Protein backbone atom coordinates (compact mmCIF):
# COMPACT_ATOMS: atom_id res chain seq x y z
CA MET A 1 130.97 -60.31 15.96
CA SER A 2 133.28 -61.51 18.82
CA SER A 3 134.26 -58.96 21.39
CA GLU A 4 137.91 -59.46 22.81
CA TYR A 5 138.01 -58.53 26.80
CA TYR A 6 140.83 -57.81 29.26
CA ASP A 7 140.50 -60.02 32.29
CA ILE A 8 141.28 -60.57 35.70
CA SER A 9 141.37 -64.38 36.64
CA VAL A 10 141.96 -65.83 40.03
CA SER A 11 142.08 -69.34 41.22
CA ALA A 12 141.95 -69.85 44.87
CA CYS A 13 140.69 -71.95 48.12
CA GLY A 14 138.95 -71.18 50.94
CA PHE A 15 135.26 -71.05 52.57
CA LEU A 16 131.91 -70.40 50.87
CA ASN A 17 129.36 -68.72 53.16
CA ARG A 18 126.09 -66.49 52.81
CA VAL A 19 124.56 -67.89 49.70
CA ARG A 20 121.49 -65.52 48.42
CA THR A 21 119.66 -64.63 45.98
CA VAL A 22 119.97 -60.74 45.04
CA LYS A 23 116.38 -59.28 43.56
CA PRO A 24 117.58 -55.67 42.13
CA ALA A 25 114.37 -52.97 41.75
CA GLU A 26 115.44 -53.38 38.01
CA GLY A 27 116.91 -56.16 36.10
CA GLU A 28 116.77 -59.92 36.97
CA ALA A 29 117.69 -61.70 40.16
CA TYR A 30 120.90 -63.34 40.60
CA LEU A 31 122.87 -65.39 42.83
CA VAL A 32 125.51 -64.12 45.39
CA CYS A 33 127.98 -65.75 47.93
CA THR A 34 130.74 -64.67 50.22
CA PHE A 35 134.05 -66.09 49.49
CA ALA A 36 136.79 -66.59 52.36
CA ALA A 37 139.99 -67.02 50.09
CA LEU A 38 142.90 -68.23 52.27
CA ARG A 39 146.49 -66.99 51.66
CA GLY A 40 149.58 -67.52 53.63
CA ALA A 41 152.04 -70.20 53.55
CA LYS A 42 150.66 -73.68 53.68
CA GLY A 43 150.91 -75.38 56.83
CA GLU A 44 150.83 -72.38 58.77
CA ARG A 45 147.76 -70.25 59.96
CA ALA A 46 146.45 -68.78 56.84
CA GLU A 47 144.34 -65.29 56.89
CA PRO A 48 141.16 -65.04 54.83
CA THR A 49 140.44 -62.31 52.37
CA TYR A 50 136.48 -62.01 51.91
CA PHE A 51 135.10 -61.75 48.29
CA ASP A 52 131.24 -60.92 47.51
CA ALA A 53 130.93 -62.90 44.49
CA LYS A 54 128.37 -62.93 41.79
CA VAL A 55 127.83 -66.35 40.37
CA VAL A 56 128.06 -66.36 36.79
CA GLY A 57 129.00 -70.13 35.92
CA ASP A 58 126.19 -72.38 35.18
CA GLN A 59 128.13 -75.35 37.13
CA ALA A 60 129.15 -73.11 39.95
CA ARG A 61 125.25 -71.86 40.26
CA ALA A 62 124.12 -75.23 40.48
CA LEU A 63 126.51 -76.60 43.18
CA LEU A 64 125.60 -73.37 45.01
CA THR A 65 121.76 -73.98 44.85
CA GLN A 66 122.03 -77.90 45.60
CA HIS A 67 124.14 -77.17 48.60
CA GLU A 68 122.76 -73.55 49.42
CA ASN A 69 121.39 -74.98 53.02
CA VAL A 70 124.64 -76.41 54.03
CA ILE A 71 126.74 -73.52 53.16
CA ASN A 72 124.55 -71.03 55.02
CA ASP A 73 124.68 -73.45 58.26
CA ARG A 74 127.26 -71.63 60.01
CA ALA A 75 128.06 -74.90 62.03
CA ARG A 76 129.34 -76.48 58.92
CA ASN A 77 132.70 -76.10 56.83
CA VAL A 78 132.16 -75.74 53.06
CA PHE A 79 135.83 -75.51 51.47
CA ALA A 80 136.33 -75.02 47.79
CA ALA A 81 138.42 -74.37 44.85
CA VAL A 82 137.22 -71.88 42.56
CA ARG A 83 137.80 -69.61 39.58
CA LEU A 84 137.15 -65.89 40.12
CA SER A 85 137.04 -63.35 37.46
CA ASP A 86 136.81 -59.53 37.20
CA LEU A 87 137.85 -58.42 40.70
CA TYR A 88 137.22 -54.57 41.92
CA VAL A 89 136.78 -52.87 44.98
CA LYS A 90 133.51 -50.91 45.77
CA SER A 91 133.24 -48.36 48.35
CA PHE A 92 130.16 -47.57 50.41
CA VAL A 93 129.34 -45.64 53.44
CA ARG A 94 127.86 -47.63 56.37
CA GLU A 95 124.04 -47.06 57.19
CA ARG A 96 123.79 -48.42 60.43
CA GLY A 97 125.45 -50.10 63.57
CA GLU A 98 128.15 -48.05 65.75
CA ARG A 99 130.22 -47.13 62.61
CA GLN A 100 127.34 -45.37 60.94
CA GLY A 101 128.32 -42.73 58.60
CA GLU A 102 132.04 -43.95 58.09
CA PRO A 103 133.16 -45.19 54.75
CA GLY A 104 134.01 -48.93 53.91
CA PHE A 105 134.91 -51.07 51.06
CA ALA A 106 134.09 -54.44 49.60
CA LEU A 107 136.16 -56.77 47.19
CA LYS A 108 133.78 -57.77 44.56
CA THR A 109 134.18 -60.52 41.79
CA ARG A 110 132.27 -62.96 39.72
CA LEU A 111 132.08 -66.86 40.60
CA LEU A 112 133.11 -68.60 37.09
CA ALA A 113 133.62 -72.14 38.40
CA ILE A 114 134.01 -74.48 41.35
CA GLU A 115 136.80 -76.74 40.53
CA SER A 116 136.32 -78.97 43.82
CA LEU A 117 133.67 -78.73 46.92
CA ALA A 118 134.45 -80.17 50.53
CA ILE A 119 131.75 -80.33 52.92
CA ASP A 120 133.09 -80.97 56.63
CA GLY A 121 136.36 -82.35 55.01
CA VAL A 122 134.68 -84.74 52.93
CA VAL A 123 135.04 -83.99 49.26
CA VAL A 124 131.41 -84.03 47.29
CA TYR A 125 132.59 -82.90 44.13
CA ARG A 126 135.65 -82.41 41.92
CA ARG A 127 135.43 -80.89 38.23
CA ALA A 128 137.66 -82.95 36.79
CA ASP A 129 135.50 -85.93 37.73
CA ASP A 130 132.21 -84.44 36.08
CA PRO A 131 131.16 -86.05 33.11
CA ALA A 132 129.40 -82.74 31.92
CA THR A 133 132.36 -80.86 32.01
CA SER A 134 134.80 -83.43 30.66
CA ALA A 135 132.29 -83.61 27.76
CA ARG A 136 132.20 -79.86 27.28
CA ARG A 137 136.52 -79.68 27.26
CA SER A 138 136.46 -82.57 24.81
CA THR A 139 134.08 -81.16 22.22
CA ARG A 140 135.99 -77.77 22.39
CA ALA A 141 139.27 -79.03 21.85
CA SER A 142 141.32 -82.22 20.86
CA GLY A 143 144.83 -83.70 21.30
CA ALA A 144 147.28 -81.03 22.81
CA ASP A 145 144.62 -78.20 22.83
CA ALA A 146 142.54 -80.31 25.16
CA ALA A 147 145.47 -80.52 27.64
CA ALA A 148 145.79 -76.36 27.39
CA ALA A 149 142.09 -75.98 27.91
CA ALA A 150 141.61 -78.41 30.60
CA PRO A 151 141.73 -76.51 34.08
CA SER A 152 144.48 -77.25 36.30
CA THR A 153 144.29 -79.90 39.07
CA VAL A 154 143.94 -78.59 42.25
CA THR A 155 144.88 -81.10 45.15
CA THR A 156 144.47 -79.17 48.53
CA ALA A 157 141.21 -77.78 48.01
CA GLY A 158 138.93 -80.76 48.59
CA GLU A 159 141.05 -83.25 50.25
CA ALA A 160 140.83 -81.52 53.81
CA VAL A 161 139.93 -78.19 55.23
CA PRO A 162 143.63 -76.53 56.59
CA GLU A 163 144.46 -77.05 60.18
CA GLY A 164 143.17 -74.40 62.35
CA PHE A 165 140.15 -73.47 60.26
CA ARG A 166 137.75 -77.01 60.73
CA ASN A 167 136.22 -75.25 63.68
CA ARG A 168 136.61 -71.48 63.23
CA ARG A 169 133.30 -71.12 61.55
CA ALA A 170 131.42 -73.08 64.08
CA ALA A 171 133.25 -71.23 67.14
CA ALA A 172 132.13 -68.07 65.45
CA ALA A 173 128.37 -69.34 65.22
CA ARG A 174 128.57 -70.06 69.14
CA ARG A 175 129.81 -66.40 70.20
């Protein structure tokens, strides 16, 4: 029996950070990362919106695992175009630090797929070029359906890190 769901899906470009494995007291361990999605006019200084993303797509999990050390190196820039799903806000109370006891919130999501990935401005992966994803798409759909099933191409994601962000992460690491 097939279930149908309402879903919020978002395509975004931004920076990957803090790849880690969460091992809950009960249940299976899972991969999580922080994604800083950029928003604002192209050519101007974009602002990041941070998401805690549970990695659920097999292809995304494989890429993040493969590049985990580079992503977690604060001196490196890892820029990606991604597909996110099931966005929600989770509230919490800060447990330590100068703001201990204050309420806070986190934007949560699921990372479904990585469309492209650039490390220090060099494209290392494009989903459109991946034979495994191309083969899966062609077996699911043919003819006009194949064009509709294929993800849209994101041209700004892997070609270069946006102006003003190239050294921002490295500068933060030096502070």
